[in-house]
Amino acid sequence: MKLKIAVVLILTSGLLFFGSSLVKSEDEIILTATGNVENKRQNIRENVKVTLQAERETKKAEMEKIKEEIKLKREAFKEMLQTEKEERKTKIEEMRENFKKKREDFKERIKTIKDERKKQLTEKIDNRMSTVNKNQTDRMLNALERLTEHVNKLEERLVQAKANGVDVSEVEILIATAKNSISTALVAVEEQASKDYAFTIVDEKNLGQSVKSSFDSLSQDLKAVQKLLVKAKEDVVNTYKLAETFKK
């Protein structure tokens, strides 16, 4: 009887021993499996992180390249305007020299007017016309400067659009057109600013006609230059309208 009890105790102890071993093995398997899943998740996170970083670096490099291209275009436009200004310098100096002679002639001729009231009125109108021309051309030059700034902003907007894969070729064409219009208007405004509308006085009888002729010339010239300014503004506005579609 004692022997049977001993055998049962031995068998029970063995089962308990092996049972605990089996439980331990199952826990280890679960822990190992959990660790593998976590490792896979970590690897995926790392891969995603590396991929996103690479994409950011690529996009950053593309944007830097586009920015450099825009910068070069802007500098080229600025240099073109400066070159054209230098080329116009000689012509404008010749114009001023001719107007200077006309102005000196006017000063001499006005002395021949005996009617003091007519003389003062003529001088007043002459000064007024010079002031109008200066104020109008200054206003136009300021407007062209602002239009140039708008074009610069449009080019900056292209940087992000290009980086996002947007086809901006049509906008680039409109920008080139706007720049050309600005350049053309700038030439006309600078030449207009150098003009002098001194009256051609022969005698007191033709004084009124001379004043009217000079005033009409000033008015027509300013309208012609204003037309070029409006064209430049329209081209910039049209470019903005097309660029707005990038947001949609």
C-alpha atoms as a PDB file:
ATOM      1  CA  MET A   1       0.000   0.000   0.000  1.00  0.00           C
ATOM      2  CA  LYS A   2       2.778   2.364   0.912  1.00  0.00           C
ATOM      3  CA  LEU A   3       4.464   1.478  -2.343  1.00  0.00           C
ATOM      4  CA  LYS A   4       1.361   2.435  -4.360  1.00  0.00           C
ATOM      5  CA  ILE A   5       1.122   5.752  -2.533  1.00  0.00           C
ATOM      6  CA  ALA A   6       4.777   6.451  -3.262  1.00  0.00           C
ATOM      7  CA  VAL A   7       4.304   5.671  -6.955  1.00  0.00           C
ATOM      8  CA  VAL A   8       1.253   7.976  -7.143  1.00  0.00           C
ATOM      9  CA  LEU A   9       3.177  10.784  -5.451  1.00  0.00           C
ATOM     10  CA  ILE A  10       6.092  10.371  -7.858  1.00  0.00           C
ATOM     11  CA  LEU A  11       3.793  10.423 -10.879  1.00  0.00           C
ATOM     12  CA  THR A  12       1.921  13.446  -9.559  1.00  0.00           C
ATOM     13  CA  SER A  13       5.152  15.320  -8.909  1.00  0.00           C
ATOM     14  CA  GLY A  14       6.298  14.541 -12.447  1.00  0.00           C
ATOM     15  CA  LEU A  15       3.075  15.804 -13.963  1.00  0.00           C
ATOM     16  CA  LEU A  16       3.299  18.983 -11.932  1.00  0.00           C
ATOM     17  CA  PHE A  17       6.883  19.448 -13.019  1.00  0.00           C
ATOM     18  CA  PHE A  18       6.205  18.853 -16.659  1.00  0.00           C
ATOM     19  CA  GLY A  19       2.976  20.863 -16.469  1.00  0.00           C
ATOM     20  CA  SER A  20       4.776  23.926 -15.160  1.00  0.00           C
ATOM     21  CA  SER A  21       7.361  23.455 -17.876  1.00  0.00           C
ATOM     22  CA  LEU A  22       4.630  23.359 -20.493  1.00  0.00           C
ATOM     23  CA  VAL A  23       3.015  26.527 -19.123  1.00  0.00           C
ATOM     24  CA  LYS A  24       6.351  28.296 -19.102  1.00  0.00           C
ATOM     25  CA  SER A  25       6.974  27.272 -22.688  1.00  0.00           C
ATOM     26  CA  GLU A  26       3.585  28.674 -23.766  1.00  0.00           C
ATOM     27  CA  ASP A  27       4.330  31.999 -22.015  1.00  0.00           C
ATOM     28  CA  GLU A  28       7.660  32.187 -23.750  1.00  0.00           C
ATOM     29  CA  ILE A  29       5.996  31.532 -27.107  1.00  0.00           C
ATOM     30  CA  ILE A  30       3.442  34.319 -26.475  1.00  0.00           C
ATOM     31  CA  LEU A  31       6.154  36.744 -25.402  1.00  0.00           C
ATOM     32  CA  THR A  32       8.289  35.855 -28.419  1.00  0.00           C
ATOM     33  CA  ALA A  33       5.342  36.301 -30.777  1.00  0.00           C
ATOM     34  CA  THR A  34       4.451  39.635 -29.168  1.00  0.00           C
ATOM     35  CA  GLY A  35       8.055  40.765 -29.475  1.00  0.00           C
ATOM     36  CA  ASN A  36       8.140  39.838 -33.162  1.00  0.00           C
ATOM     37  CA  VAL A  37       4.971  41.827 -33.858  1.00  0.00           C
ATOM     38  CA  GLU A  38       6.347  44.841 -32.031  1.00  0.00           C
ATOM     39  CA  ASN A  39       9.618  44.553 -33.945  1.00  0.00           C
ATOM     40  CA  LYS A  40       7.714  44.446 -37.226  1.00  0.00           C
ATOM     41  CA  ARG A  41       5.712  47.478 -36.209  1.00  0.00           C
ATOM     42  CA  GLN A  42       8.875  49.306 -35.249  1.00  0.00           C
ATOM     43  CA  ASN A  43      10.479  48.395 -38.573  1.00  0.00           C
ATOM     44  CA  ILE A  44       7.411  49.643 -40.433  1.00  0.00           C
ATOM     45  CA  ARG A  45       7.486  52.890 -38.460  1.00  0.00           C
ATOM     46  CA  GLU A  46      11.164  53.312 -39.204  1.00  0.00           C
ATOM     47  CA  ASN A  47      10.641  52.590 -42.895  1.00  0.00           C
ATOM     48  CA  VAL A  48       7.760  55.062 -43.083  1.00  0.00           C
ATOM     49  CA  LYS A  49       9.854  57.650 -41.261  1.00  0.00           C
ATOM     50  CA  VAL A  50      12.773  57.150 -43.642  1.00  0.00           C
ATOM     51  CA  THR A  51      10.467  57.296 -46.671  1.00  0.00           C
ATOM     52  CA  LEU A  52       8.772  60.493 -45.482  1.00  0.00           C
ATOM     53  CA  GLN A  53      12.132  62.066 -44.711  1.00  0.00           C
ATOM     54  CA  ALA A  54      13.393  61.155 -48.166  1.00  0.00           C
ATOM     55  CA  GLU A  55      10.262  62.624 -49.751  1.00  0.00           C
ATOM     56  CA  ARG A  56      10.680  65.820 -47.727  1.00  0.00           C
ATOM     57  CA  GLU A  57      14.308  66.103 -48.746  1.00  0.00           C
ATOM     58  CA  THR A  58      13.413  65.526 -52.401  1.00  0.00           C
ATOM     59  CA  LYS A  59      10.627  68.107 -52.288  1.00  0.00           C
ATOM     60  CA  LYS A  60      12.907  70.560 -50.513  1.00  0.00           C
ATOM     61  CA  ALA A  61      15.576  70.089 -53.158  1.00  0.00           C
ATOM     62  CA  GLU A  62      13.013  70.603 -55.913  1.00  0.00           C
ATOM     63  CA  MET A  63      11.729  73.782 -54.274  1.00  0.00           C
ATOM     64  CA  GLU A  64      15.262  75.123 -53.870  1.00  0.00           C
ATOM     65  CA  LYS A  65      15.904  74.424 -57.545  1.00  0.00           C
ATOM     66  CA  ILE A  66      12.694  76.194 -58.576  1.00  0.00           C
ATOM     67  CA  LYS A  67      13.487  79.127 -56.275  1.00  0.00           C
ATOM     68  CA  GLU A  68      16.890  79.459 -57.900  1.00  0.00           C
ATOM     69  CA  GLU A  69      15.299  79.415 -61.345  1.00  0.00           C
ATOM     70  CA  ILE A  70      12.823  82.117 -60.317  1.00  0.00           C
ATOM     71  CA  LYS A  71      15.643  84.156 -58.796  1.00  0.00           C
ATOM     72  CA  LEU A  72      17.648  83.962 -62.002  1.00  0.00           C
ATOM     73  CA  LYS A  73      14.617  84.992 -64.075  1.00  0.00           C
ATOM     74  CA  ARG A  74      13.963  87.920 -61.755  1.00  0.00           C
ATOM     75  CA  GLU A  75      17.576  89.050 -61.922  1.00  0.00           C
ATOM     76  CA  ALA A  76      17.540  88.677 -65.705  1.00  0.00           C
ATOM     77  CA  PHE A  77      14.421  90.868 -65.920  1.00  0.00           C
ATOM     78  CA  LYS A  78      15.993  93.453 -63.645  1.00  0.00           C
ATOM     79  CA  GLU A  79      19.172  93.477 -65.717  1.00  0.00           C
ATOM     80  CA  MET A  80      17.131  93.787 -68.903  1.00  0.00           C
ATOM     81  CA  LEU A  81      15.328  96.852 -67.530  1.00  0.00           C
ATOM     82  CA  GLN A  82      18.635  98.359 -66.460  1.00  0.00           C
ATOM     83  CA  THR A  83      20.197  97.675 -69.863  1.00  0.00           C
ATOM     84  CA  GLU A  84      17.239  99.232 -71.646  1.00  0.00           C
ATOM     85  CA  LYS A  85      17.462 102.220 -69.329  1.00  0.00           C
ATOM     86  CA  GLU A  86      21.126 102.692 -70.186  1.00  0.00           C
ATOM     87  CA  GLU A  87      20.314 102.409 -73.889  1.00  0.00           C
ATOM     88  CA  ARG A  88      17.595 105.040 -73.525  1.00  0.00           C
ATOM     89  CA  LYS A  89      19.885 107.342 -71.589  1.00  0.00           C
ATOM     90  CA  THR A  90      21.526 108.774 -74.705  1.00  0.00           C
ATOM     91  CA  LYS A  91      18.200 109.295 -76.436  1.00  0.00           C
ATOM     92  CA  ILE A  92      16.687 110.976 -73.386  1.00  0.00           C
ATOM     93  CA  GLU A  93      19.705 113.257 -73.018  1.00  0.00           C
ATOM     94  CA  GLU A  94      19.314 114.302 -76.664  1.00  0.00           C
ATOM     95  CA  MET A  95      15.616 114.961 -76.073  1.00  0.00           C
ATOM     96  CA  ARG A  96      16.382 117.051 -73.010  1.00  0.00           C
ATOM     97  CA  GLU A  97      18.970 119.036 -74.908  1.00  0.00           C
ATOM     98  CA  ASN A  98      16.431 119.851 -77.616  1.00  0.00           C
ATOM     99  CA  PHE A  99      13.800 120.764 -75.044  1.00  0.00           C
ATOM    100  CA  LYS A 100      16.344 122.893 -73.234  1.00  0.00           C
ATOM    101  CA  LYS A 101      16.887 124.973 -76.376  1.00  0.00           C
ATOM    102  CA  LYS A 102      13.133 125.263 -76.799  1.00  0.00           C
ATOM    103  CA  ARG A 103      12.811 126.344 -73.167  1.00  0.00           C
ATOM    104  CA  GLU A 104      15.471 129.019 -73.563  1.00  0.00           C
ATOM    105  CA  ASP A 105      13.741 130.284 -76.671  1.00  0.00           C
ATOM    106  CA  PHE A 106      10.457 130.422 -74.741  1.00  0.00           C
ATOM    107  CA  LYS A 107      12.046 132.513 -71.983  1.00  0.00           C
ATOM    108  CA  GLU A 108      13.356 134.973 -74.525  1.00  0.00           C
ATOM    109  CA  ARG A 109      10.141 135.109 -76.507  1.00  0.00           C
ATOM    110  CA  ILE A 110       7.898 135.666 -73.515  1.00  0.00           C
ATOM    111  CA  LYS A 111       9.783 138.863 -72.773  1.00  0.00           C
ATOM    112  CA  THR A 112       8.366 140.289 -75.995  1.00  0.00           C
ATOM    113  CA  ILE A 113       4.796 140.022 -74.710  1.00  0.00           C
ATOM    114  CA  LYS A 114       3.754 143.542 -73.748  1.00  0.00           C
ATOM    115  CA  ASP A 115       0.489 142.619 -72.054  1.00  0.00           C
ATOM    116  CA  GLU A 116       1.608 141.821 -68.488  1.00  0.00           C
ATOM    117  CA  ARG A 117      -1.572 139.900 -67.689  1.00  0.00           C
ATOM    118  CA  LYS A 118      -1.085 137.636 -70.733  1.00  0.00           C
ATOM    119  CA  LYS A 119       2.559 137.162 -69.836  1.00  0.00           C
ATOM    120  CA  GLN A 120       1.769 136.047 -66.266  1.00  0.00           C
ATOM    121  CA  LEU A 121      -1.060 133.804 -67.437  1.00  0.00           C
ATOM    122  CA  THR A 122       1.198 132.195 -70.037  1.00  0.00           C
ATOM    123  CA  GLU A 123       3.918 131.531 -67.455  1.00  0.00           C
ATOM    124  CA  LYS A 124       1.347 130.137 -65.041  1.00  0.00           C
ATOM    125  CA  ILE A 125      -0.045 127.755 -67.653  1.00  0.00           C
ATOM    126  CA  ASP A 126       3.478 126.710 -68.642  1.00  0.00           C
ATOM    127  CA  ASN A 127       4.402 125.904 -65.036  1.00  0.00           C
ATOM    128  CA  ARG A 128       1.123 124.084 -64.543  1.00  0.00           C
ATOM    129  CA  MET A 129       1.704 121.871 -67.580  1.00  0.00           C
ATOM    130  CA  SER A 130       5.207 120.993 -66.396  1.00  0.00           C
ATOM    131  CA  THR A 131       3.798 120.078 -62.974  1.00  0.00           C
ATOM    132  CA  VAL A 132       1.046 117.935 -64.497  1.00  0.00           C
ATOM    133  CA  ASN A 133       3.532 116.036 -66.645  1.00  0.00           C
ATOM    134  CA  LYS A 134       5.840 115.408 -63.696  1.00  0.00           C
ATOM    135  CA  ASN A 135       3.035 114.308 -61.355  1.00  0.00           C
ATOM    136  CA  GLN A 136       1.486 111.997 -63.933  1.00  0.00           C
ATOM    137  CA  THR A 137       4.750 110.340 -64.940  1.00  0.00           C
ATOM    138  CA  ASP A 138       5.768 109.913 -61.289  1.00  0.00           C
ATOM    139  CA  ARG A 139       2.422 108.238 -60.629  1.00  0.00           C
ATOM    140  CA  MET A 140       2.916 105.935 -63.612  1.00  0.00           C
ATOM    141  CA  LEU A 141       6.438 105.000 -62.568  1.00  0.00           C
ATOM    142  CA  ASN A 142       5.173 104.107 -59.086  1.00  0.00           C
ATOM    143  CA  ALA A 143       2.379 102.038 -60.620  1.00  0.00           C
ATOM    144  CA  LEU A 144       4.860 100.146 -62.814  1.00  0.00           C
ATOM    145  CA  GLU A 145       7.051  99.490 -59.784  1.00  0.00           C
ATOM    146  CA  ARG A 146       4.065  97.979 -57.955  1.00  0.00           C
ATOM    147  CA  LEU A 147       3.180  95.865 -60.984  1.00  0.00           C
ATOM    148  CA  THR A 148       6.747  94.554 -61.032  1.00  0.00           C
ATOM    149  CA  GLU A 149       6.402  93.597 -57.351  1.00  0.00           C
ATOM    150  CA  HIS A 150       3.171  91.740 -58.161  1.00  0.00           C
ATOM    151  CA  VAL A 151       4.963  89.807 -60.897  1.00  0.00           C
ATOM    152  CA  ASN A 152       7.659  88.873 -58.383  1.00  0.00           C
ATOM    153  CA  LYS A 153       4.994  87.552 -56.001  1.00  0.00           C
ATOM    154  CA  LEU A 154       3.416  85.547 -58.796  1.00  0.00           C
ATOM    155  CA  GLU A 155       6.763  83.944 -59.540  1.00  0.00           C
ATOM    156  CA  GLU A 156       7.127  83.038 -55.864  1.00  0.00           C
ATOM    157  CA  ARG A 157       3.718  81.386 -55.987  1.00  0.00           C
ATOM    158  CA  LEU A 158       4.930  79.254 -58.880  1.00  0.00           C
ATOM    159  CA  VAL A 159       7.583  77.735 -56.627  1.00  0.00           C
ATOM    160  CA  GLN A 160       5.000  75.966 -54.451  1.00  0.00           C
ATOM    161  CA  ALA A 161       2.774  75.123 -57.409  1.00  0.00           C
ATOM    162  CA  LYS A 162       5.653  73.517 -59.314  1.00  0.00           C
ATOM    163  CA  ALA A 163       6.724  71.589 -56.216  1.00  0.00           C
ATOM    164  CA  ASN A 164       3.176  70.218 -56.002  1.00  0.00           C
ATOM    165  CA  GLY A 165       3.414  68.971 -59.560  1.00  0.00           C
ATOM    166  CA  VAL A 166       1.130  71.641 -61.071  1.00  0.00           C
ATOM    167  CA  ASP A 167       1.638  72.521 -64.745  1.00  0.00           C
ATOM    168  CA  VAL A 168       2.420  76.262 -64.653  1.00  0.00           C
ATOM    169  CA  SER A 169       3.525  76.687 -68.272  1.00  0.00           C
ATOM    170  CA  GLU A 170       0.511  78.865 -69.174  1.00  0.00           C
ATOM    171  CA  VAL A 171       1.121  81.159 -66.218  1.00  0.00           C
ATOM    172  CA  GLU A 172       4.796  81.458 -67.126  1.00  0.00           C
ATOM    173  CA  ILE A 173       3.779  82.595 -70.621  1.00  0.00           C
ATOM    174  CA  LEU A 174       1.446  85.230 -69.135  1.00  0.00           C
ATOM    175  CA  ILE A 175       4.187  86.386 -66.763  1.00  0.00           C
ATOM    176  CA  ALA A 176       6.546  86.844 -69.711  1.00  0.00           C
ATOM    177  CA  THR A 177       3.839  88.856 -71.501  1.00  0.00           C
ATOM    178  CA  ALA A 178       3.266  91.008 -68.404  1.00  0.00           C
ATOM    179  CA  LYS A 179       6.993  91.680 -68.074  1.00  0.00           C
ATOM    180  CA  ASN A 180       7.178  92.747 -71.698  1.00  0.00           C
ATOM    181  CA  SER A 181       4.211  95.100 -71.232  1.00  0.00           C
ATOM    182  CA  ILE A 182       5.797  96.593 -68.110  1.00  0.00           C
ATOM    183  CA  SER A 183       9.070  97.127 -69.961  1.00  0.00           C
ATOM    184  CA  THR A 184       7.311  98.801 -72.917  1.00  0.00           C
ATOM    185  CA  ALA A 185       5.327 101.083 -70.614  1.00  0.00           C
ATOM    186  CA  LEU A 186       8.440 101.957 -68.616  1.00  0.00           C
ATOM    187  CA  VAL A 187      10.248 103.092 -71.774  1.00  0.00           C
ATOM    188  CA  ALA A 188       7.334 105.332 -72.735  1.00  0.00           C
ATOM    189  CA  VAL A 189       6.928 106.803 -69.234  1.00  0.00           C
ATOM    190  CA  GLU A 190      10.611 107.663 -68.858  1.00  0.00           C
ATOM    191  CA  GLU A 191      10.638 109.370 -72.248  1.00  0.00           C
ATOM    192  CA  GLN A 192       7.430 111.209 -71.371  1.00  0.00           C
ATOM    193  CA  ALA A 193       8.979 112.415 -68.124  1.00  0.00           C
ATOM    194  CA  SER A 194      11.824 114.036 -70.050  1.00  0.00           C
ATOM    195  CA  LYS A 195       9.522 116.024 -72.361  1.00  0.00           C
ATOM    196  CA  ASP A 196       9.029 119.784 -72.125  1.00  0.00           C
ATOM    197  CA  TYR A 197       5.960 121.521 -73.507  1.00  0.00           C
ATOM    198  CA  ALA A 198       7.257 125.065 -73.675  1.00  0.00           C
ATOM    199  CA  PHE A 199       5.106 127.198 -75.973  1.00  0.00           C
ATOM    200  CA  THR A 200       6.338 128.321 -79.365  1.00  0.00           C
ATOM    201  CA  ILE A 201       5.729 132.054 -79.270  1.00  0.00           C
ATOM    202  CA  VAL A 202       5.792 134.056 -82.507  1.00  0.00           C
ATOM    203  CA  ASP A 203       3.757 137.018 -81.375  1.00  0.00           C
ATOM    204  CA  GLU A 204       0.904 137.863 -79.049  1.00  0.00           C
ATOM    205  CA  LYS A 205      -1.676 137.108 -81.724  1.00  0.00           C
ATOM    206  CA  ASN A 206      -0.810 133.415 -81.953  1.00  0.00           C
ATOM    207  CA  LEU A 207      -0.225 133.034 -78.219  1.00  0.00           C
ATOM    208  CA  GLY A 208      -3.587 131.396 -77.520  1.00  0.00           C
ATOM    209  CA  GLN A 209      -3.150 128.913 -80.380  1.00  0.00           C
ATOM    210  CA  SER A 210       0.366 128.079 -79.213  1.00  0.00           C
ATOM    211  CA  VAL A 211      -0.866 127.368 -75.678  1.00  0.00           C
ATOM    212  CA  LYS A 212      -3.703 125.197 -76.979  1.00  0.00           C
ATOM    213  CA  SER A 213      -1.354 123.271 -79.278  1.00  0.00           C
ATOM    214  CA  SER A 214       1.085 122.499 -76.444  1.00  0.00           C
ATOM    215  CA  PHE A 215      -1.738 121.540 -74.081  1.00  0.00           C
ATOM    216  CA  ASP A 216      -3.246 119.188 -76.684  1.00  0.00           C
ATOM    217  CA  SER A 217       0.163 117.576 -77.246  1.00  0.00           C
ATOM    218  CA  LEU A 218       0.608 116.996 -73.512  1.00  0.00           C
ATOM    219  CA  SER A 219      -2.876 115.538 -73.185  1.00  0.00           C
ATOM    220  CA  GLN A 220      -2.448 113.182 -76.150  1.00  0.00           C
ATOM    221  CA  ASP A 221       0.997 112.047 -75.014  1.00  0.00           C
ATOM    222  CA  LEU A 222      -0.184 111.295 -71.480  1.00  0.00           C
ATOM    223  CA  LYS A 223      -3.185 109.355 -72.809  1.00  0.00           C
ATOM    224  CA  ALA A 224      -0.913 107.263 -75.039  1.00  0.00           C
ATOM    225  CA  VAL A 225       1.406 106.399 -72.150  1.00  0.00           C
ATOM    226  CA  GLN A 226      -1.536 105.739 -69.822  1.00  0.00           C
ATOM    227  CA  LYS A 227      -2.858 103.258 -72.376  1.00  0.00           C
ATOM    228  CA  LEU A 228       0.408 101.295 -72.159  1.00  0.00           C
ATOM    229  CA  LEU A 229       0.201 101.337 -68.359  1.00  0.00           C
ATOM    230  CA  VAL A 230      -3.366  99.994 -68.474  1.00  0.00           C
ATOM    231  CA  LYS A 231      -2.216  97.219 -70.837  1.00  0.00           C
ATOM    232  CA  ALA A 232       0.543  96.219 -68.394  1.00  0.00           C
ATOM    233  CA  LYS A 233      -1.939  96.214 -65.505  1.00  0.00           C
ATOM    234  CA  GLU A 234      -4.418  94.058 -67.451  1.00  0.00           C
ATOM    235  CA  ASP A 235      -1.684  91.539 -68.256  1.00  0.00           C
ATOM    236  CA  VAL A 236      -0.724  91.259 -64.585  1.00  0.00           C
ATOM    237  CA  VAL A 237      -4.383  90.894 -63.533  1.00  0.00           C
ATOM    238  CA  ASN A 238      -4.950  88.164 -66.146  1.00  0.00           C
ATOM    239  CA  THR A 239      -1.924  86.322 -64.820  1.00  0.00           C
ATOM    240  CA  TYR A 240      -3.267  86.527 -61.273  1.00  0.00           C
ATOM    241  CA  LYS A 241      -6.627  85.161 -62.373  1.00  0.00           C
ATOM    242  CA  LEU A 242      -5.027  82.108 -63.939  1.00  0.00           C
ATOM    243  CA  ALA A 243      -2.708  81.616 -60.957  1.00  0.00           C
ATOM    244  CA  GLU A 244      -5.749  81.597 -58.644  1.00  0.00           C
ATOM    245  CA  THR A 245      -6.816  78.288 -60.202  1.00  0.00           C
ATOM    246  CA  PHE A 246      -3.839  76.665 -58.448  1.00  0.00           C
ATOM    247  CA  LYS A 247      -5.824  76.839 -55.201  1.00  0.00           C
ATOM    248  CA  LYS A 248      -8.727  74.843 -56.619  1.00  0.00           C
END
